[in-house]
C-alpha atoms as a PDB file:
ATOM      1  CA  UNK A   1      63.140 104.214  60.761  1.00  0.00           C
ATOM      2  CA  UNK A   2      63.472 103.200  64.474  1.00  0.00           C
ATOM      3  CA  UNK A   3      62.209 105.278  67.265  1.00  0.00           C
ATOM      4  CA  UNK A   4      64.836 106.932  69.570  1.00  0.00           C
ATOM      5  CA  UNK A   5      64.646 105.438  73.229  1.00  0.00           C
ATOM      6  CA  UNK A   6      62.078 107.298  75.030  1.00  0.00           C
ATOM      7  CA  UNK A   7      64.238 107.128  78.254  1.00  0.00           C
ATOM      8  CA  UNK A   8      67.376 108.576  76.583  1.00  0.00           C
ATOM      9  CA  UNK A   9      67.669 111.367  78.368  1.00  0.00           C
ATOM     10  CA  UNK A  10      67.570 109.791  81.687  1.00  0.00           C
ATOM     11  CA  UNK A  11      70.012 107.175  80.675  1.00  0.00           C
ATOM     12  CA  UNK A  12      72.231 109.974  79.611  1.00  0.00           C
ATOM     13  CA  UNK A  13      71.738 111.630  83.040  1.00  0.00           C
ATOM     14  CA  UNK A  14      72.492 108.232  84.884  1.00  0.00           C
ATOM     15  CA  UNK A  15      75.404 107.955  82.753  1.00  0.00           C
ATOM     16  CA  UNK A  16      76.933 111.328  83.825  1.00  0.00           C
ATOM     17  CA  UNK A  17      75.809 110.677  87.495  1.00  0.00           C
ATOM     18  CA  UNK A  18      77.849 107.368  87.206  1.00  0.00           C
ATOM     19  CA  UNK A  19      80.925 109.117  85.732  1.00  0.00           C
ATOM     20  CA  UNK A  20      80.802 111.661  88.550  1.00  0.00           C
ATOM     21  CA  UNK A  21      80.334 109.181  91.119  1.00  0.00           C
ATOM     22  CA  UNK A  22      83.458 107.222  89.907  1.00  0.00           C
ATOM     23  CA  UNK A  23      85.449 110.327  89.598  1.00  0.00           C
ATOM     24  CA  UNK A  24      84.442 110.927  93.434  1.00  0.00           C
ATOM     25  CA  UNK A  25      85.409 107.541  94.499  1.00  0.00           C
ATOM     26  CA  UNK A  26      88.511 107.851  92.829  1.00  0.00           C
ATOM     27  CA  UNK A  27      89.338 111.051  94.798  1.00  0.00           C
ATOM     28  CA  UNK A  28      88.412 109.887  98.215  1.00  0.00           C
ATOM     29  CA  UNK A  29      90.062 106.559  97.636  1.00  0.00           C
ATOM     30  CA  UNK A  30      93.311 108.642  96.725  1.00  0.00           C
ATOM     31  CA  UNK A  31      92.806 110.709  99.839  1.00  0.00           C
ATOM     32  CA  UNK A  32      92.617 107.562 102.155  1.00  0.00           C
ATOM     33  CA  UNK A  33      95.809 106.300 100.591  1.00  0.00           C
ATOM     34  CA  UNK A  34      97.653 109.596 101.567  1.00  0.00           C
ATOM     35  CA  UNK A  35      96.186 109.481 104.885  1.00  0.00           C
ATOM     36  CA  UNK A  36      97.285 105.734 105.355  1.00  0.00           C
ATOM     37  CA  UNK A  37     100.732 106.776 103.850  1.00  0.00           C
ATOM     38  CA  UNK A  38     101.153 109.690 106.282  1.00  0.00           C
ATOM     39  CA  UNK A  39     100.050 107.353 109.168  1.00  0.00           C
ATOM     40  CA  UNK A  40     102.622 104.672 108.265  1.00  0.00           C
ATOM     41  CA  UNK A  41     105.503 107.554 108.000  1.00  0.00           C
ATOM     42  CA  UNK A  42     104.415 109.004 111.433  1.00  0.00           C
ATOM     43  CA  UNK A  43     104.403 105.380 112.598  1.00  0.00           C
ATOM     44  CA  UNK A  44     107.891 104.533 111.282  1.00  0.00           C
ATOM     45  CA  UNK A  45     109.360 108.146 112.459  1.00  0.00           C
ATOM     46  CA  UNK A  46     108.004 107.261 115.948  1.00  0.00           C
ATOM     47  CA  UNK A  47     109.781 104.036 115.867  1.00  0.00           C
ATOM     48  CA  UNK A  48     113.069 105.333 114.589  1.00  0.00           C
ATOM     49  CA  UNK A  49     112.785 108.008 117.383  1.00  0.00           C
ATOM     50  CA  UNK A  50     112.240 105.618 120.038  1.00  0.00           C
ATOM     51  CA  UNK A  51     115.383 103.634 118.851  1.00  0.00           C
ATOM     52  CA  UNK A  52     117.386 106.606 119.125  1.00  0.00           C
ATOM     53  CA  UNK A  53     115.906 107.381 122.389  1.00  0.00           C
ATOM     54  CA  UNK A  54     116.933 103.940 123.788  1.00  0.00           C
ATOM     55  CA  UNK A  55     120.353 104.373 122.382  1.00  0.00           C
ATOM     56  CA  UNK A  56     120.801 107.626 123.912  1.00  0.00           C
ATOM     57  CA  UNK A  57     119.717 106.047 127.369  1.00  0.00           C
ATOM     58  CA  UNK A  58     122.545 103.563 127.095  1.00  0.00           C
ATOM     59  CA  UNK A  59     125.157 105.955 126.189  1.00  0.00           C
ATOM     60  CA  UNK A  60     123.839 108.303 128.905  1.00  0.00           C
ATOM     61  CA  UNK A  61     121.872 111.509 128.634  1.00  0.00           C
ATOM     62  CA  UNK A  62     120.956 114.269 131.001  1.00  0.00           C
ATOM     63  CA  UNK A  63     117.388 115.214 132.414  1.00  0.00           C
ATOM     64  CA  UNK A  64     116.938 117.931 129.992  1.00  0.00           C
ATOM     65  CA  UNK A  65     117.484 115.442 126.959  1.00  0.00           C
ATOM     66  CA  UNK A  66     115.335 112.880 128.286  1.00  0.00           C
ATOM     67  CA  UNK A  67     112.420 115.491 128.862  1.00  0.00           C
ATOM     68  CA  UNK A  68     113.129 116.551 125.151  1.00  0.00           C
ATOM     69  CA  UNK A  69     112.877 113.001 124.212  1.00  0.00           C
ATOM     70  CA  UNK A  70     109.723 112.406 126.003  1.00  0.00           C
ATOM     71  CA  UNK A  71     108.109 115.662 124.816  1.00  0.00           C
ATOM     72  CA  UNK A  72     108.790 114.873 121.402  1.00  0.00           C
ATOM     73  CA  UNK A  73     107.369 111.423 121.708  1.00  0.00           C
ATOM     74  CA  UNK A  74     104.420 112.605 123.408  1.00  0.00           C
ATOM     75  CA  UNK A  75     103.790 115.204 120.238  1.00  0.00           C
ATOM     76  CA  UNK A  76     104.306 112.343 117.761  1.00  0.00           C
ATOM     77  CA  UNK A  77     101.735 110.136 119.675  1.00  0.00           C
ATOM     78  CA  UNK A  78      99.457 113.063 119.528  1.00  0.00           C
ATOM     79  CA  UNK A  79     100.152 113.516 115.944  1.00  0.00           C
ATOM     80  CA  UNK A  80      99.486 109.716 115.372  1.00  0.00           C
ATOM     81  CA  UNK A  81      96.133 109.931 117.029  1.00  0.00           C
ATOM     82  CA  UNK A  82      95.058 112.540 115.107  1.00  0.00           C
ATOM     83  CA  UNK A  83      96.034 110.940 111.952  1.00  0.00           C
ATOM     84  CA  UNK A  84      94.185 107.716 112.883  1.00  0.00           C
ATOM     85  CA  UNK A  85      91.069 109.974 113.213  1.00  0.00           C
ATOM     86  CA  UNK A  86      91.776 111.519 109.950  1.00  0.00           C
ATOM     87  CA  UNK A  87      92.273 108.092 108.495  1.00  0.00           C
ATOM     88  CA  UNK A  88      88.996 106.603 109.828  1.00  0.00           C
ATOM     89  CA  UNK A  89      86.888 109.937 108.777  1.00  0.00           C
ATOM     90  CA  UNK A  90      88.452 109.095 105.330  1.00  0.00           C
ATOM     91  CA  UNK A  91      87.783 105.453 105.207  1.00  0.00           C
ATOM     92  CA  UNK A  92      84.371 106.480 106.126  1.00  0.00           C
ATOM     93  CA  UNK A  93      84.016 108.932 103.217  1.00  0.00           C
ATOM     94  CA  UNK A  94      85.437 106.046 100.846  1.00  0.00           C
ATOM     95  CA  UNK A  95      82.659 103.740 102.035  1.00  0.00           C
ATOM     96  CA  UNK A  96      79.934 106.211 101.569  1.00  0.00           C
ATOM     97  CA  UNK A  97      81.384 106.874  97.972  1.00  0.00           C
ATOM     98  CA  UNK A  98      81.351 103.233  97.114  1.00  0.00           C
ATOM     99  CA  UNK A  99      77.701 102.970  98.129  1.00  0.00           C
ATOM    100  CA  UNK A 100      77.185 106.031  95.823  1.00  0.00           C
ATOM    101  CA  UNK A 101      79.012 104.348  93.241  1.00  0.00           C
ATOM    102  CA  UNK A 102      77.141 101.357  93.355  1.00  0.00           C
ATOM    103  CA  UNK A 103      73.619 102.899  93.476  1.00  0.00           C
ATOM    104  CA  UNK A 104      74.843 104.805  90.151  1.00  0.00           C
ATOM    105  CA  UNK A 105      75.912 101.900  88.632  1.00  0.00           C
ATOM    106  CA  UNK A 106      72.627  99.966  89.453  1.00  0.00           C
ATOM    107  CA  UNK A 107      70.635 102.687  87.801  1.00  0.00           C
ATOM    108  CA  UNK A 108      72.933 102.965  85.007  1.00  0.00           C
ATOM    109  CA  UNK A 109      72.619  99.235  84.452  1.00  0.00           C
ATOM    110  CA  UNK A 110      68.776  99.454  84.597  1.00  0.00           C
ATOM    111  CA  UNK A 111      68.632 101.953  81.933  1.00  0.00           C
ATOM    112  CA  UNK A 112      71.083 100.319  79.738  1.00  0.00           C
ATOM    113  CA  UNK A 113      68.845  97.026  80.183  1.00  0.00           C
ATOM    114  CA  UNK A 114      65.873  99.225  79.034  1.00  0.00           C
ATOM    115  CA  UNK A 115      67.823 100.778  76.398  1.00  0.00           C
ATOM    116  CA  UNK A 116      68.801  97.284  74.939  1.00  0.00           C
ATOM    117  CA  UNK A 117      65.405  96.069  75.253  1.00  0.00           C
ATOM    118  CA  UNK A 118      63.889  99.004  73.170  1.00  0.00           C
ATOM    119  CA  UNK A 119      66.663  98.484  70.473  1.00  0.00           C
ATOM    120  CA  UNK A 120      65.758  94.867  70.134  1.00  0.00           C
ATOM    121  CA  UNK A 121      62.033  95.706  69.946  1.00  0.00           C
ATOM    122  CA  UNK A 122      62.657  98.084  67.263  1.00  0.00           C
ATOM    123  CA  UNK A 123      64.909  95.881  65.144  1.00  0.00           C
ATOM    124  CA  UNK A 124      62.010  93.240  65.364  1.00  0.00           C
ATOM    125  CA  UNK A 125      59.489  95.894  64.346  1.00  0.00           C
ATOM    126  CA  UNK A 126      61.957  96.624  61.466  1.00  0.00           C
ATOM    127  CA  UNK A 127      62.544  93.037  60.543  1.00  0.00           C
ATOM    128  CA  UNK A 128      58.655  92.612  60.372  1.00  0.00           C
ATOM    129  CA  UNK A 129      57.959  95.783  58.262  1.00  0.00           C
ATOM    130  CA  UNK A 130      60.690  94.837  56.044  1.00  0.00           C
ATOM    131  CA  UNK A 131      59.402  90.989  55.686  1.00  0.00           C
ATOM    132  CA  UNK A 132      56.022  92.719  54.770  1.00  0.00           C
ATOM    133  CA  UNK A 133      57.491  94.831  52.211  1.00  0.00           C
ATOM    134  CA  UNK A 134      59.350  91.805  50.661  1.00  0.00           C
ATOM    135  CA  UNK A 135      56.228  89.838  51.117  1.00  0.00           C
ATOM    136  CA  UNK A 136      54.033  92.515  49.122  1.00  0.00           C
ATOM    137  CA  UNK A 137      56.644  92.845  46.304  1.00  0.00           C
ATOM    138  CA  UNK A 138      56.783  89.155  45.973  1.00  0.00           C
ATOM    139  CA  UNK A 139      52.732  88.849  45.730  1.00  0.00           C
ATOM    140  CA  UNK A 140      52.830  91.874  43.251  1.00  0.00           C
ATOM    141  CA  UNK A 141      55.476  90.344  41.211  1.00  0.00           C
ATOM    142  CA  UNK A 142      53.516  86.719  41.223  1.00  0.00           C
ATOM    143  CA  UNK A 143      50.248  88.586  40.103  1.00  0.00           C
ATOM    144  CA  UNK A 144      51.991  90.176  37.401  1.00  0.00           C
ATOM    145  CA  UNK A 145      53.310  87.128  36.303  1.00  0.00           C
ATOM    146  CA  UNK A 146      50.139  85.559  36.442  1.00  0.00           C
ATOM    147  CA  UNK A 147      48.223  88.202  34.334  1.00  0.00           C
ATOM    148  CA  UNK A 148      51.058  88.292  31.736  1.00  0.00           C
ATOM    149  CA  UNK A 149      50.595  84.735  31.536  1.00  0.00           C
ATOM    150  CA  UNK A 150      46.810  84.599  31.234  1.00  0.00           C
END
């Protein structure tokens, strides 16, 4: 009977931590995509609003309308700046999560390699043990057949 991998618990722990890092990476990447989508939406909205502003200027607009457009465009620019900052933070979180995931994968792979080496070693020991048993049985059979002849 082969011995269990002595570092099995550490291997399982590494697997759990790797799974956790994978889930975390997926989560922060999803958040980053959402931040990017929101920024894209704000940029498109700003461009559309600028086009409406240009059209309104051509057709004529009073000073209050001009000011309202300008105020709203300023607020959109502020929102875009905030969204860019949030996206930057999200990208940094993603980079950190990727590094954590890579480190967890490396550790898991190392334990996997050790586990595979242990398994092969146990197979080799088992094969040698079986061969020895077969040799012993063959030797006994040979002795028994010689003593029956003699």
